Amino acid sequence: MKIVYTPKAQADLDGIVDYYKPLNPDALAKIYVEVTGAIALIAQFPRAGRQQKPKKVRKVVVRKYKYLIYYACDEDKRQISILTIRYSARRRPYSDR
């Protein structure tokens, strides 16, 4: 399935880069690989994420670095929209069912 980033999700990913780049570029590289790797797995297994409220939203956890990836799948368009990428300690935009 095709992956599409919403402007919010792209801003979240850019924010991760902007935060870690001056602090620890090596950590940034590892985090980026884990997050984008999780997104690649979503493309292969779109129903793997835990269903959220609202019903069309799902969540995948990047356990090693505690990031949450929220996404919606449109099977008719064969497209997955990455909605937001959040650090787990921050307020969550969606709740578990």
N, C-alpha and C. Protein backbone atom coordinates (compact mmCIF):
# COMPACT_ATOMS: atom_id res chain seq x y z
N MET A 1 0.83 -1.18 0.00
CA MET A 1 0.00 0.00 0.00
C MET A 1 0.88 1.25 0.00
N LYS A 2 0.34 2.30 -0.55
CA LYS A 2 1.05 3.57 -0.63
C LYS A 2 0.95 4.30 0.71
N ILE A 3 2.06 4.88 1.13
CA ILE A 3 2.10 5.66 2.37
C ILE A 3 2.05 7.15 2.02
N VAL A 4 1.15 7.87 2.70
CA VAL A 4 1.02 9.32 2.53
C VAL A 4 1.11 9.94 3.92
N TYR A 5 1.91 10.99 4.04
CA TYR A 5 2.03 11.70 5.31
C TYR A 5 1.12 12.92 5.29
N THR A 6 0.33 13.10 6.33
CA THR A 6 -0.42 14.34 6.47
C THR A 6 0.57 15.44 6.81
N PRO A 7 0.20 16.70 6.61
CA PRO A 7 1.11 17.79 7.01
C PRO A 7 1.51 17.70 8.49
N LYS A 8 0.58 17.28 9.34
CA LYS A 8 0.87 17.13 10.78
C LYS A 8 1.94 16.06 11.01
N ALA A 9 1.78 14.92 10.34
CA ALA A 9 2.75 13.83 10.51
C ALA A 9 4.12 14.23 9.98
N GLN A 10 4.16 14.94 8.86
CA GLN A 10 5.44 15.39 8.32
C GLN A 10 6.10 16.39 9.27
N ALA A 11 5.28 17.26 9.86
CA ALA A 11 5.81 18.21 10.84
C ALA A 11 6.33 17.48 12.08
N ASP A 12 5.64 16.42 12.49
CA ASP A 12 6.09 15.63 13.64
C ASP A 12 7.45 14.99 13.35
N LEU A 13 7.59 14.41 12.16
CA LEU A 13 8.85 13.77 11.78
C LEU A 13 9.96 14.81 11.68
N ASP A 14 9.65 15.96 11.09
CA ASP A 14 10.64 17.05 11.02
C ASP A 14 11.02 17.54 12.41
N GLY A 15 10.04 17.55 13.33
CA GLY A 15 10.32 17.97 14.70
C GLY A 15 11.27 17.02 15.42
N ILE A 16 11.12 15.73 15.16
CA ILE A 16 12.03 14.74 15.74
C ILE A 16 13.45 15.01 15.24
N VAL A 17 13.57 15.23 13.94
CA VAL A 17 14.89 15.52 13.34
C VAL A 17 15.47 16.80 13.94
N ASP A 18 14.66 17.85 14.00
CA ASP A 18 15.14 19.14 14.52
C ASP A 18 15.57 19.05 15.98
N TYR A 19 14.88 18.22 16.76
CA TYR A 19 15.20 18.10 18.19
C TYR A 19 16.52 17.34 18.40
N TYR A 20 16.66 16.18 17.73
CA TYR A 20 17.81 15.32 18.00
C TYR A 20 19.07 15.68 17.23
N LYS A 21 18.93 16.33 16.09
CA LYS A 21 20.10 16.60 15.25
C LYS A 21 21.20 17.35 15.98
N PRO A 22 20.90 18.46 16.69
CA PRO A 22 21.99 19.14 17.40
C PRO A 22 22.42 18.42 18.68
N LEU A 23 21.53 17.65 19.27
CA LEU A 23 21.85 16.99 20.54
C LEU A 23 22.67 15.72 20.34
N ASN A 24 22.20 14.88 19.40
CA ASN A 24 22.83 13.57 19.24
C ASN A 24 22.50 13.01 17.85
N PRO A 25 23.30 13.33 16.84
CA PRO A 25 23.02 12.86 15.49
C PRO A 25 22.97 11.34 15.37
N ASP A 26 23.78 10.64 16.17
CA ASP A 26 23.77 9.17 16.12
C ASP A 26 22.44 8.62 16.62
N ALA A 27 21.92 9.21 17.69
CA ALA A 27 20.61 8.80 18.20
C ALA A 27 19.53 9.11 17.19
N LEU A 28 19.63 10.27 16.55
CA LEU A 28 18.66 10.64 15.52
C LEU A 28 18.60 9.59 14.43
N ALA A 29 19.75 9.15 13.96
CA ALA A 29 19.78 8.14 12.90
C ALA A 29 19.08 6.86 13.33
N LYS A 30 19.32 6.44 14.55
CA LYS A 30 18.70 5.21 15.06
C LYS A 30 17.18 5.37 15.20
N ILE A 31 16.76 6.50 15.75
CA ILE A 31 15.33 6.76 15.93
C ILE A 31 14.65 6.83 14.58
N TYR A 32 15.24 7.54 13.64
CA TYR A 32 14.66 7.70 12.30
C TYR A 32 14.49 6.35 11.61
N VAL A 33 15.50 5.50 11.73
CA VAL A 33 15.42 4.16 11.13
C VAL A 33 14.29 3.35 11.76
N GLU A 34 14.16 3.41 13.07
CA GLU A 34 13.10 2.66 13.76
C GLU A 34 11.71 3.16 13.38
N VAL A 35 11.53 4.47 13.36
CA VAL A 35 10.22 5.04 13.04
C VAL A 35 9.85 4.75 11.59
N THR A 36 10.75 5.01 10.66
CA THR A 36 10.44 4.77 9.26
C THR A 36 10.32 3.28 8.97
N GLY A 37 11.04 2.46 9.71
CA GLY A 37 10.90 1.01 9.57
C GLY A 37 9.53 0.53 10.01
N ALA A 38 9.02 1.11 11.10
CA ALA A 38 7.68 0.77 11.57
C ALA A 38 6.63 1.20 10.54
N ILE A 39 6.85 2.34 9.90
CA ILE A 39 5.92 2.80 8.87
C ILE A 39 5.96 1.88 7.66
N ALA A 40 7.13 1.39 7.31
CA ALA A 40 7.23 0.43 6.21
C ALA A 40 6.47 -0.86 6.53
N LEU A 41 6.52 -1.29 7.78
CA LEU A 41 5.76 -2.49 8.19
C LEU A 41 4.26 -2.24 8.13
N ILE A 42 3.84 -1.02 8.45
CA ILE A 42 2.43 -0.68 8.34
C ILE A 42 1.97 -0.85 6.90
N ALA A 43 2.82 -0.47 5.95
CA ALA A 43 2.47 -0.61 4.53
C ALA A 43 2.25 -2.08 4.17
N GLN A 44 3.01 -2.97 4.77
CA GLN A 44 2.87 -4.41 4.50
C GLN A 44 1.72 -5.03 5.27
N PHE A 45 1.51 -4.57 6.50
CA PHE A 45 0.49 -5.15 7.38
C PHE A 45 -0.38 -4.03 7.95
N PRO A 46 -1.28 -3.46 7.14
CA PRO A 46 -2.03 -2.28 7.58
C PRO A 46 -2.98 -2.51 8.76
N ARG A 47 -3.36 -3.72 9.02
CA ARG A 47 -4.25 -3.99 10.15
C ARG A 47 -3.51 -4.40 11.42
N ALA A 48 -2.21 -4.29 11.40
CA ALA A 48 -1.41 -4.71 12.55
C ALA A 48 -1.56 -3.77 13.74
N GLY A 49 -1.87 -2.53 13.47
CA GLY A 49 -1.97 -1.55 14.55
C GLY A 49 -3.22 -1.73 15.38
N ARG A 50 -3.16 -1.25 16.60
CA ARG A 50 -4.31 -1.33 17.51
C ARG A 50 -5.36 -0.29 17.12
N GLN A 51 -6.59 -0.72 17.02
CA GLN A 51 -7.68 0.17 16.64
C GLN A 51 -7.92 1.22 17.72
N GLN A 52 -8.21 2.44 17.27
CA GLN A 52 -8.41 3.58 18.17
C GLN A 52 -9.84 4.11 18.01
N LYS A 53 -10.15 5.11 18.82
CA LYS A 53 -11.36 5.89 18.60
C LYS A 53 -10.90 7.16 17.91
N PRO A 54 -11.38 7.50 16.75
CA PRO A 54 -12.42 6.90 15.93
C PRO A 54 -11.98 5.59 15.28
N LYS A 55 -12.96 4.88 14.81
CA LYS A 55 -12.78 3.51 14.37
C LYS A 55 -11.76 3.33 13.24
N LYS A 56 -11.61 4.29 12.37
CA LYS A 56 -10.71 4.13 11.22
C LYS A 56 -9.24 4.38 11.54
N VAL A 57 -8.96 4.83 12.73
CA VAL A 57 -7.59 5.16 13.13
C VAL A 57 -6.97 3.97 13.85
N ARG A 58 -5.70 3.71 13.54
CA ARG A 58 -4.94 2.65 14.21
C ARG A 58 -3.64 3.23 14.74
N LYS A 59 -3.03 2.49 15.68
CA LYS A 59 -1.80 2.95 16.32
C LYS A 59 -0.77 1.82 16.34
N VAL A 60 0.46 2.17 16.01
CA VAL A 60 1.59 1.26 16.14
C VAL A 60 2.58 1.92 17.10
N VAL A 61 3.17 1.12 17.97
CA VAL A 61 4.13 1.62 18.96
C VAL A 61 5.54 1.25 18.52
N VAL A 62 6.42 2.24 18.49
CA VAL A 62 7.84 2.00 18.27
C VAL A 62 8.42 1.86 19.67
N ARG A 63 8.44 0.65 20.18
CA ARG A 63 8.75 0.39 21.59
C ARG A 63 10.13 0.87 22.02
N LYS A 64 11.12 0.66 21.19
CA LYS A 64 12.48 0.99 21.58
C LYS A 64 12.64 2.48 21.93
N TYR A 65 11.94 3.35 21.20
CA TYR A 65 12.08 4.79 21.42
C TYR A 65 10.78 5.45 21.88
N LYS A 66 9.77 4.67 22.15
CA LYS A 66 8.51 5.12 22.75
C LYS A 66 7.76 6.15 21.90
N TYR A 67 7.75 5.93 20.59
CA TYR A 67 6.95 6.77 19.70
C TYR A 67 5.69 6.03 19.30
N LEU A 68 4.62 6.78 19.11
CA LEU A 68 3.34 6.23 18.68
C LEU A 68 3.05 6.77 17.29
N ILE A 69 2.72 5.88 16.38
CA ILE A 69 2.39 6.26 15.01
C ILE A 69 0.91 6.00 14.81
N TYR A 70 0.16 7.07 14.55
CA TYR A 70 -1.28 6.95 14.29
C TYR A 70 -1.50 7.04 12.79
N TYR A 71 -2.33 6.15 12.28
CA TYR A 71 -2.56 6.12 10.84
C TYR A 71 -3.98 5.66 10.52
N ALA A 72 -4.38 5.94 9.29
CA ALA A 72 -5.69 5.49 8.79
C ALA A 72 -5.46 4.79 7.46
N CYS A 73 -6.20 3.74 7.24
CA CYS A 73 -6.04 2.93 6.04
C CYS A 73 -7.29 3.07 5.16
N ASP A 74 -7.08 3.38 3.90
CA ASP A 74 -8.17 3.41 2.91
C ASP A 74 -7.90 2.29 1.92
N GLU A 75 -8.55 1.16 2.15
CA GLU A 75 -8.28 -0.02 1.32
C GLU A 75 -8.76 0.17 -0.11
N ASP A 76 -9.80 0.97 -0.33
CA ASP A 76 -10.27 1.22 -1.70
C ASP A 76 -9.20 1.95 -2.52
N LYS A 77 -8.55 2.91 -1.91
CA LYS A 77 -7.48 3.66 -2.59
C LYS A 77 -6.12 2.98 -2.47
N ARG A 78 -6.07 1.92 -1.65
CA ARG A 78 -4.81 1.23 -1.34
C ARG A 78 -3.78 2.24 -0.82
N GLN A 79 -4.23 3.01 0.16
CA GLN A 79 -3.42 4.09 0.70
C GLN A 79 -3.49 4.12 2.22
N ILE A 80 -2.36 4.37 2.83
CA ILE A 80 -2.27 4.54 4.28
C ILE A 80 -1.84 5.97 4.55
N SER A 81 -2.62 6.66 5.35
CA SER A 81 -2.30 8.04 5.73
C SER A 81 -1.71 8.04 7.13
N ILE A 82 -0.46 8.48 7.24
CA ILE A 82 0.16 8.64 8.55
C ILE A 82 -0.37 9.96 9.10
N LEU A 83 -1.10 9.88 10.21
CA LEU A 83 -1.79 11.04 10.76
C LEU A 83 -0.90 11.87 11.68
N THR A 84 -0.19 11.19 12.57
CA THR A 84 0.68 11.89 13.52
C THR A 84 1.68 10.90 14.12
N ILE A 85 2.81 11.41 14.56
CA ILE A 85 3.84 10.63 15.23
C ILE A 85 4.11 11.34 16.54
N ARG A 86 3.82 10.67 17.64
CA ARG A 86 3.89 11.32 18.96
C ARG A 86 4.81 10.55 19.89
N TYR A 87 5.51 11.28 20.74
CA TYR A 87 6.25 10.64 21.83
C TYR A 87 5.22 10.17 22.85
N SER A 88 5.39 9.00 23.39
CA SER A 88 4.36 8.38 24.23
C SER A 88 4.05 9.16 25.51
N ALA A 89 4.97 9.98 25.99
CA ALA A 89 4.72 10.74 27.21
C ALA A 89 3.85 11.98 26.96
N ARG A 90 3.68 12.34 25.70
CA ARG A 90 2.86 13.51 25.37
C ARG A 90 1.39 13.12 25.31
N ARG A 91 0.53 14.14 25.38
CA ARG A 91 -0.91 13.91 25.29
C ARG A 91 -1.24 13.21 23.98
N ARG A 92 -2.10 12.21 24.04
CA ARG A 92 -2.41 11.40 22.87
C ARG A 92 -3.67 11.95 22.16
N PRO A 93 -3.60 12.05 20.84
CA PRO A 93 -4.72 12.62 20.11
C PRO A 93 -5.90 11.65 19.95
N TYR A 94 -5.65 10.35 20.13
CA TYR A 94 -6.69 9.33 19.99
C TYR A 94 -6.60 8.41 21.19
N SER A 95 -7.68 7.70 21.47
CA SER A 95 -7.65 6.77 22.61
C SER A 95 -7.91 5.36 22.13
N ASP A 96 -7.41 4.41 22.89
CA ASP A 96 -7.62 3.00 22.58
C ASP A 96 -9.10 2.66 22.72
N ARG A 97 -9.53 1.73 21.96
CA ARG A 97 -10.93 1.30 22.03
C ARG A 97 -11.19 0.57 23.30
